[in-house]
Protein backbone atom coordinates (compact mmCIF):
# COMPACT_ATOMS: atom_id res chain seq x y z
CA MET A 1 0.00 0.00 0.00
CA SER A 2 2.85 2.38 0.78
CA SER A 3 4.23 2.69 -2.75
CA GLU A 4 0.68 2.94 -4.15
CA LEU A 5 -0.10 5.69 -1.64
CA ASP A 6 3.18 7.46 -2.39
CA ASN A 7 2.34 7.36 -6.11
CA TRP A 8 -1.11 8.79 -5.38
CA ALA A 9 0.46 11.55 -3.26
CA LYS A 10 2.89 12.55 -6.01
CA LYS A 11 0.09 12.64 -8.60
CA TYR A 12 -2.16 14.65 -6.24
CA GLU A 13 0.64 17.16 -5.63
CA ASP A 14 1.45 17.51 -9.34
CA LEU A 15 -2.19 17.92 -10.38
CA THR A 16 -3.01 20.36 -7.57
CA ASN A 17 0.07 22.51 -8.09
CA SER A 18 -0.45 22.72 -11.86
CA ASP A 19 -4.19 23.49 -11.71
CA GLU A 20 -4.73 27.11 -12.79
CA THR A 21 -8.07 27.44 -11.01
CA ILE A 22 -6.67 26.23 -7.71
CA GLY A 23 -3.68 28.52 -8.20
CA ALA A 24 -5.93 31.54 -8.68
CA MET A 25 -8.55 30.75 -6.04
CA ALA A 26 -6.17 29.52 -3.34
CA LYS A 27 -3.29 31.93 -3.86
CA TYR A 28 -3.17 32.87 -0.16
CA TYR A 29 -4.53 29.61 1.27
CA SER A 30 -2.28 27.95 3.83
CA CYS A 31 -3.38 25.06 6.04
CA SER A 32 -2.98 21.37 6.69
CA PHE A 33 -5.74 18.80 6.34
CA MET A 34 -6.26 15.08 6.58
CA PHE A 35 -7.88 12.79 4.05
CA ASP A 36 -8.99 9.69 5.96
CA MET A 37 -9.76 6.90 3.48
CA GLU A 38 -10.23 4.08 6.01
CA LYS A 39 -7.07 2.03 5.43
CA ALA A 40 -5.04 5.03 4.29
CA LYS A 41 -4.67 8.46 5.86
CA VAL A 42 -2.67 11.39 4.56
CA ILE A 43 -2.00 14.88 5.87
CA ILE A 44 -1.60 17.50 3.17
CA GLU A 45 0.16 20.77 3.92
CA MET A 46 -0.73 23.72 1.69
CA HIS A 47 1.14 27.01 1.57
CA ASP A 48 -0.06 29.89 -0.61
CA GLY A 49 -2.24 27.53 -2.64
CA LYS A 50 0.46 24.96 -3.37
CA VAL A 51 1.00 21.52 -1.90
CA LYS A 52 4.18 21.73 0.15
CA ASN A 53 4.16 18.30 1.76
CA ILE A 54 2.07 15.14 1.88
CA ASN A 55 2.59 12.92 4.90
CA THR A 56 1.53 9.43 3.81
CA ASN A 57 2.19 7.89 7.22
CA PRO A 58 0.81 10.31 9.80
CA GLY A 59 1.07 9.52 13.48
CA PRO A 60 -1.68 10.08 16.04
CA LEU A 61 -0.13 13.36 17.23
CA ASP A 62 0.53 14.88 13.79
CA ALA A 63 -1.40 18.15 13.59
CA TYR A 64 -3.89 19.27 10.94
CA ASP A 65 -6.56 21.98 10.73
CA PHE A 66 -9.44 19.81 9.52
CA ALA A 67 -10.14 16.25 8.41
CA LEU A 68 -12.34 14.75 5.73
CA ARG A 69 -13.17 11.15 6.69
CA ALA A 70 -15.07 8.77 4.42
CA SER A 71 -15.21 5.19 3.24
CA ALA A 72 -13.03 4.02 0.39
CA ASN A 73 -16.19 3.74 -1.74
CA THR A 74 -17.09 7.39 -1.15
CA TRP A 75 -13.61 8.55 -2.18
CA LYS A 76 -13.83 6.31 -5.26
CA GLU A 77 -17.17 7.89 -6.23
CA PHE A 78 -15.71 11.39 -5.74
CA SER A 79 -12.93 10.60 -8.19
CA GLN A 80 -15.24 9.73 -11.09
CA PRO A 81 -15.21 12.09 -14.11
CA MET A 82 -18.96 12.64 -13.60
CA PRO A 83 -19.75 11.86 -9.94
CA LYS A 84 -23.18 10.53 -8.99
CA PRO A 85 -25.52 12.88 -7.13
CA MET A 86 -24.41 13.49 -3.55
CA TYR A 87 -20.81 12.61 -4.47
CA HIS A 88 -20.20 15.88 -6.31
CA GLY A 89 -19.05 17.86 -3.26
CA ILE A 90 -17.98 17.45 0.34
CA TRP A 91 -21.04 19.22 1.76
CA SER A 92 -23.54 17.05 -0.09
CA ALA A 93 -21.64 13.90 0.83
CA SER A 94 -21.53 14.98 4.46
CA PHE A 95 -25.33 15.39 4.51
CA ARG A 96 -26.32 12.25 2.58
CA LYS A 97 -23.36 9.87 2.51
CA ASP A 98 -20.70 8.81 5.01
CA LEU A 99 -18.29 11.74 4.72
CA LYS A 100 -17.48 13.39 8.05
CA ILE A 101 -15.99 16.86 8.35
CA GLU A 102 -14.00 17.45 11.54
CA GLY A 103 -11.87 20.27 12.85
CA ASN A 104 -11.68 23.95 11.99
CA HIS A 105 -14.50 24.61 9.51
CA LEU A 106 -13.42 28.23 9.05
CA VAL A 107 -10.07 27.15 7.61
CA LEU A 108 -11.84 24.64 5.36
CA MET A 109 -14.20 27.28 3.96
CA LYS A 110 -11.57 29.91 3.14
């Protein structure tokens, strides 16, 4: 799982850092957040809208501002080119599916 997760992390970083919309909308966004995907957890550190680090083996005391926790199936549905209804955004999935939003909501919404 580790090399698969490391490959995912590299691809996530490359895609995020090269996305023009994210670059424009998140220019001053700095935070850290956790994606909890059941068997895999990662903490992503953002600085000025760019991924600066992805911790693919976080410990229980590693800090983050907020966490998005969901089943592997929910994350799989999110990643589809045309997600099904209620998988198209974190808020809808948190109301109707199994996605949980924890931590500092203000940082998440910036």
